[in-house]
């Protein structure tokens, strides 16, 4: 599948998490509902990713990630527990997607 198709499908139900400032930790913010979660357009997400300014995080389970995912994405499954975010690079926009 083409990257743009994968992005379109994945970002249809996208959840944008947080933007990490250069080498600074950003405090965790819990949103009351989906409407409060910042969104990004597909074009802006692809541009930031292609320019090396963003990283995609696939929040689906391991099996779904292994079956198909955006090339270069990091798998951090959402299972209701606090995720281990140590694998996330500092100073990049973090774009979380699921399906």
N, C-alpha and C. Protein backbone atom coordinates (compact mmCIF):
# COMPACT_ATOMS: atom_id res chain seq x y z
N UNK A 1 0.83 -1.18 0.00
CA UNK A 1 0.00 0.00 0.00
C UNK A 1 0.88 1.24 0.00
N UNK A 2 0.39 2.29 -0.59
CA UNK A 2 1.13 3.55 -0.63
C UNK A 2 1.05 4.23 0.72
N UNK A 3 2.10 4.97 1.03
CA UNK A 3 2.16 5.69 2.30
C UNK A 3 0.98 6.64 2.43
N UNK A 4 0.61 7.34 1.33
CA UNK A 4 -0.48 8.31 1.42
C UNK A 4 -1.80 7.62 1.73
N UNK A 5 -2.03 6.42 1.18
CA UNK A 5 -3.26 5.69 1.50
C UNK A 5 -3.25 5.26 2.96
N UNK A 6 -2.11 4.76 3.42
CA UNK A 6 -2.01 4.35 4.82
C UNK A 6 -2.26 5.55 5.74
N UNK A 7 -1.68 6.68 5.38
CA UNK A 7 -1.88 7.88 6.20
C UNK A 7 -3.34 8.29 6.20
N UNK A 8 -3.97 8.26 5.03
CA UNK A 8 -5.36 8.65 4.94
C UNK A 8 -6.23 7.76 5.81
N UNK A 9 -6.02 6.45 5.69
CA UNK A 9 -6.82 5.50 6.47
C UNK A 9 -6.53 5.65 7.96
N UNK A 10 -5.27 5.71 8.31
CA UNK A 10 -4.91 5.79 9.73
C UNK A 10 -5.32 7.11 10.34
N UNK A 11 -5.14 8.19 9.60
CA UNK A 11 -5.42 9.50 10.16
C UNK A 11 -6.91 9.85 10.14
N UNK A 12 -7.73 8.98 9.52
CA UNK A 12 -9.17 9.19 9.55
C UNK A 12 -9.68 9.15 10.98
N UNK A 13 -9.03 8.37 11.79
CA UNK A 13 -9.43 8.27 13.20
C UNK A 13 -8.27 8.67 14.10
N UNK A 14 -7.59 9.71 13.66
CA UNK A 14 -6.34 10.11 14.32
C UNK A 14 -6.55 10.79 15.67
N UNK A 15 -5.63 10.56 16.49
CA UNK A 15 -5.56 11.26 17.76
C UNK A 15 -4.17 11.88 17.81
N UNK A 16 -4.11 13.17 17.90
CA UNK A 16 -2.82 13.84 18.00
C UNK A 16 -2.50 14.03 19.47
N UNK A 17 -1.37 13.55 19.85
CA UNK A 17 -1.04 13.55 21.27
C UNK A 17 -0.41 14.86 21.70
N UNK A 18 0.86 14.98 21.56
CA UNK A 18 1.55 16.10 22.17
C UNK A 18 2.71 16.55 21.31
N UNK A 19 3.10 17.77 21.48
CA UNK A 19 4.26 18.29 20.78
C UNK A 19 5.36 18.49 21.81
N UNK A 20 6.47 17.80 21.59
CA UNK A 20 7.58 17.91 22.55
C UNK A 20 8.49 19.05 22.12
N UNK A 21 8.73 19.99 23.00
CA UNK A 21 9.64 21.09 22.71
C UNK A 21 11.07 20.56 22.75
N UNK A 22 11.95 21.23 22.07
CA UNK A 22 13.34 20.78 21.95
C UNK A 22 13.95 20.48 23.32
N UNK A 23 14.26 19.21 23.53
CA UNK A 23 14.93 18.71 24.72
C UNK A 23 14.25 19.09 26.02
N UNK A 24 12.98 19.46 25.97
CA UNK A 24 12.24 19.75 27.19
C UNK A 24 11.15 18.70 27.34
N UNK A 25 10.86 18.36 28.56
CA UNK A 25 9.75 17.44 28.77
C UNK A 25 8.47 18.24 28.84
N UNK A 26 7.45 17.72 28.19
CA UNK A 26 6.15 18.37 28.18
C UNK A 26 5.27 17.62 29.16
N UNK A 27 4.65 18.33 30.09
CA UNK A 27 3.81 17.64 31.06
C UNK A 27 2.65 16.93 30.37
N UNK A 28 2.30 15.78 30.91
CA UNK A 28 1.18 15.00 30.38
C UNK A 28 -0.09 15.79 30.58
N UNK A 29 -0.92 15.83 29.54
CA UNK A 29 -2.20 16.50 29.66
C UNK A 29 -3.29 15.52 29.28
N UNK A 30 -4.21 15.32 30.17
CA UNK A 30 -5.35 14.45 29.90
C UNK A 30 -6.48 15.30 29.37
N UNK A 31 -7.03 14.89 28.23
CA UNK A 31 -8.13 15.62 27.62
C UNK A 31 -9.45 15.05 28.10
N UNK A 32 -10.42 15.91 28.34
CA UNK A 32 -11.73 15.49 28.83
C UNK A 32 -12.50 14.69 27.79
N UNK A 33 -12.29 15.03 26.50
CA UNK A 33 -13.00 14.32 25.43
C UNK A 33 -12.22 14.46 24.13
N UNK A 34 -12.62 13.71 23.12
CA UNK A 34 -11.91 13.72 21.83
C UNK A 34 -11.91 15.10 21.18
N UNK A 35 -12.92 15.90 21.43
CA UNK A 35 -13.01 17.22 20.83
C UNK A 35 -11.89 18.16 21.26
N UNK A 36 -11.29 17.89 22.41
CA UNK A 36 -10.21 18.73 22.92
C UNK A 36 -8.84 18.36 22.36
N UNK A 37 -8.73 17.19 21.77
CA UNK A 37 -7.44 16.71 21.28
C UNK A 37 -7.06 17.46 20.01
N UNK A 38 -5.86 18.04 19.96
CA UNK A 38 -5.44 18.77 18.75
C UNK A 38 -5.43 17.85 17.53
N UNK A 39 -5.79 18.36 16.39
CA UNK A 39 -5.82 17.61 15.13
C UNK A 39 -4.82 18.23 14.16
N UNK A 40 -4.44 17.44 13.16
CA UNK A 40 -3.53 17.91 12.12
C UNK A 40 -4.03 17.36 10.79
N UNK A 41 -3.85 18.11 9.73
CA UNK A 41 -4.29 17.62 8.43
C UNK A 41 -3.33 16.56 7.92
N UNK A 42 -3.81 15.74 7.02
CA UNK A 42 -2.98 14.71 6.42
C UNK A 42 -1.77 15.34 5.72
N UNK A 43 -2.00 16.41 4.99
CA UNK A 43 -0.91 17.07 4.27
C UNK A 43 0.16 17.60 5.23
N UNK A 44 -0.27 18.23 6.32
CA UNK A 44 0.67 18.76 7.30
C UNK A 44 1.42 17.64 8.03
N UNK A 45 0.72 16.54 8.32
CA UNK A 45 1.36 15.40 8.98
C UNK A 45 2.43 14.79 8.08
N UNK A 46 2.10 14.58 6.82
CA UNK A 46 3.06 14.00 5.87
C UNK A 46 4.26 14.92 5.68
N UNK A 47 4.01 16.22 5.56
CA UNK A 47 5.09 17.18 5.38
C UNK A 47 6.04 17.16 6.58
N UNK A 48 5.49 17.21 7.78
CA UNK A 48 6.32 17.20 8.99
C UNK A 48 7.12 15.89 9.08
N UNK A 49 6.50 14.78 8.76
CA UNK A 49 7.17 13.48 8.78
C UNK A 49 8.29 13.43 7.74
N UNK A 50 7.98 13.85 6.51
CA UNK A 50 8.97 13.84 5.43
C UNK A 50 10.15 14.76 5.73
N UNK A 51 9.92 15.85 6.44
CA UNK A 51 10.98 16.80 6.79
C UNK A 51 11.75 16.37 8.04
N UNK A 52 11.35 15.26 8.65
CA UNK A 52 12.02 14.78 9.85
C UNK A 52 11.64 15.55 11.10
N UNK A 53 10.54 16.29 11.04
CA UNK A 53 10.10 17.10 12.18
C UNK A 53 9.04 16.40 13.04
N UNK A 54 8.61 15.22 12.60
CA UNK A 54 7.55 14.50 13.32
C UNK A 54 7.82 13.01 13.28
N UNK A 55 7.21 12.32 14.22
CA UNK A 55 7.27 10.86 14.27
C UNK A 55 5.84 10.36 14.43
N UNK A 56 5.52 9.24 13.75
CA UNK A 56 4.21 8.63 13.89
C UNK A 56 4.27 7.57 14.98
N UNK A 57 3.26 7.56 15.83
CA UNK A 57 3.11 6.54 16.86
C UNK A 57 1.82 5.78 16.56
N UNK A 58 1.96 4.48 16.34
CA UNK A 58 0.82 3.60 16.10
C UNK A 58 0.35 3.09 17.46
N UNK A 59 -0.86 3.43 17.86
CA UNK A 59 -1.34 3.07 19.19
C UNK A 59 -2.17 1.78 19.19
N UNK A 60 -2.16 1.05 18.07
CA UNK A 60 -2.88 -0.22 18.00
C UNK A 60 -2.07 -1.32 18.67
N UNK A 61 -2.69 -2.44 18.92
CA UNK A 61 -2.03 -3.58 19.52
C UNK A 61 -0.92 -4.14 18.64
N UNK A 62 -0.08 -4.98 19.24
CA UNK A 62 1.07 -5.55 18.53
C UNK A 62 0.67 -6.29 17.25
N UNK A 63 -0.38 -7.09 17.31
CA UNK A 63 -0.78 -7.89 16.14
C UNK A 63 -1.18 -6.99 14.97
N UNK A 64 -1.96 -5.96 15.24
CA UNK A 64 -2.38 -5.04 14.18
C UNK A 64 -1.18 -4.29 13.61
N UNK A 65 -0.26 -3.88 14.48
CA UNK A 65 0.94 -3.18 14.04
C UNK A 65 1.79 -4.08 13.14
N UNK A 66 1.98 -5.33 13.56
CA UNK A 66 2.80 -6.27 12.78
C UNK A 66 2.15 -6.58 11.43
N UNK A 67 0.83 -6.58 11.38
CA UNK A 67 0.12 -6.87 10.13
C UNK A 67 0.28 -5.75 9.11
N UNK A 68 0.29 -4.50 9.57
CA UNK A 68 0.41 -3.36 8.66
C UNK A 68 0.55 -2.08 9.47
N UNK A 69 1.49 -1.25 9.07
CA UNK A 69 1.68 0.03 9.75
C UNK A 69 2.42 1.00 8.82
N UNK A 70 2.44 2.25 9.19
CA UNK A 70 3.16 3.26 8.44
C UNK A 70 4.65 3.02 8.64
N UNK A 71 5.38 2.92 7.55
CA UNK A 71 6.82 2.70 7.62
C UNK A 71 7.47 3.79 8.47
N UNK A 72 8.30 3.38 9.41
CA UNK A 72 8.99 4.32 10.27
C UNK A 72 8.24 4.68 11.54
N UNK A 73 7.01 4.17 11.69
CA UNK A 73 6.25 4.48 12.89
C UNK A 73 6.76 3.67 14.08
N UNK A 74 6.45 4.16 15.26
CA UNK A 74 6.80 3.50 16.51
C UNK A 74 5.52 2.91 17.08
N UNK A 75 5.55 1.67 17.53
CA UNK A 75 4.37 1.05 18.11
C UNK A 75 4.38 1.22 19.63
N UNK A 76 3.41 1.98 20.13
CA UNK A 76 3.19 2.11 21.57
C UNK A 76 1.70 1.83 21.78
N UNK A 77 1.36 0.56 21.99
CA UNK A 77 -0.06 0.19 22.09
C UNK A 77 -0.76 0.87 23.27
N UNK A 78 -1.98 1.31 23.01
CA UNK A 78 -2.79 1.88 24.08
C UNK A 78 -3.58 0.73 24.69
N UNK A 79 -3.32 0.45 25.95
CA UNK A 79 -4.00 -0.64 26.63
C UNK A 79 -4.63 -0.19 27.94
N UNK A 80 -4.81 1.11 28.08
CA UNK A 80 -5.41 1.64 29.29
C UNK A 80 -4.40 1.96 30.38
N UNK A 81 -3.17 1.50 30.22
CA UNK A 81 -2.11 1.76 31.19
C UNK A 81 -1.27 2.93 30.72
N UNK A 82 -0.52 3.52 31.61
CA UNK A 82 0.38 4.60 31.23
C UNK A 82 1.45 4.04 30.29
N UNK A 83 1.58 4.60 29.09
CA UNK A 83 2.55 4.08 28.13
C UNK A 83 3.99 4.47 28.48
N UNK A 84 4.93 3.65 28.03
CA UNK A 84 6.35 3.96 28.17
C UNK A 84 6.72 4.85 26.99
N UNK A 85 6.98 6.09 27.25
CA UNK A 85 7.25 7.06 26.19
C UNK A 85 8.74 7.30 25.98
N UNK A 86 9.59 6.49 26.58
CA UNK A 86 11.03 6.68 26.47
C UNK A 86 11.56 6.50 25.06
N UNK A 87 10.84 5.77 24.20
CA UNK A 87 11.31 5.55 22.83
C UNK A 87 11.01 6.74 21.92
N UNK A 88 10.29 7.73 22.43
CA UNK A 88 9.95 8.89 21.60
C UNK A 88 11.12 9.86 21.53
N UNK A 89 11.40 10.35 20.33
CA UNK A 89 12.49 11.32 20.18
C UNK A 89 12.11 12.67 20.76
N UNK A 90 13.07 13.37 21.28
CA UNK A 90 12.85 14.71 21.83
C UNK A 90 12.84 15.73 20.69
N UNK A 91 12.06 16.76 20.85
CA UNK A 91 12.07 17.86 19.90
C UNK A 91 11.32 17.61 18.60
N UNK A 92 10.47 16.57 18.57
CA UNK A 92 9.69 16.29 17.36
C UNK A 92 8.21 16.28 17.70
N UNK A 93 7.41 16.60 16.70
CA UNK A 93 5.97 16.51 16.84
C UNK A 93 5.61 15.03 16.90
N UNK A 94 4.77 14.66 17.83
CA UNK A 94 4.35 13.29 18.00
C UNK A 94 2.93 13.16 17.43
N UNK A 95 2.77 12.34 16.40
CA UNK A 95 1.47 12.15 15.75
C UNK A 95 1.03 10.71 16.02
N UNK A 96 -0.04 10.58 16.81
CA UNK A 96 -0.53 9.27 17.21
C UNK A 96 -1.70 8.90 16.31
N UNK A 97 -1.68 7.65 15.83
CA UNK A 97 -2.81 7.19 15.01
C UNK A 97 -3.24 5.80 15.45
N UNK A 98 -4.49 5.47 15.11
CA UNK A 98 -5.06 4.16 15.36
C UNK A 98 -6.10 3.90 14.28
N UNK A 99 -6.73 2.76 14.36
CA UNK A 99 -7.80 2.47 13.39
C UNK A 99 -8.85 1.61 14.02
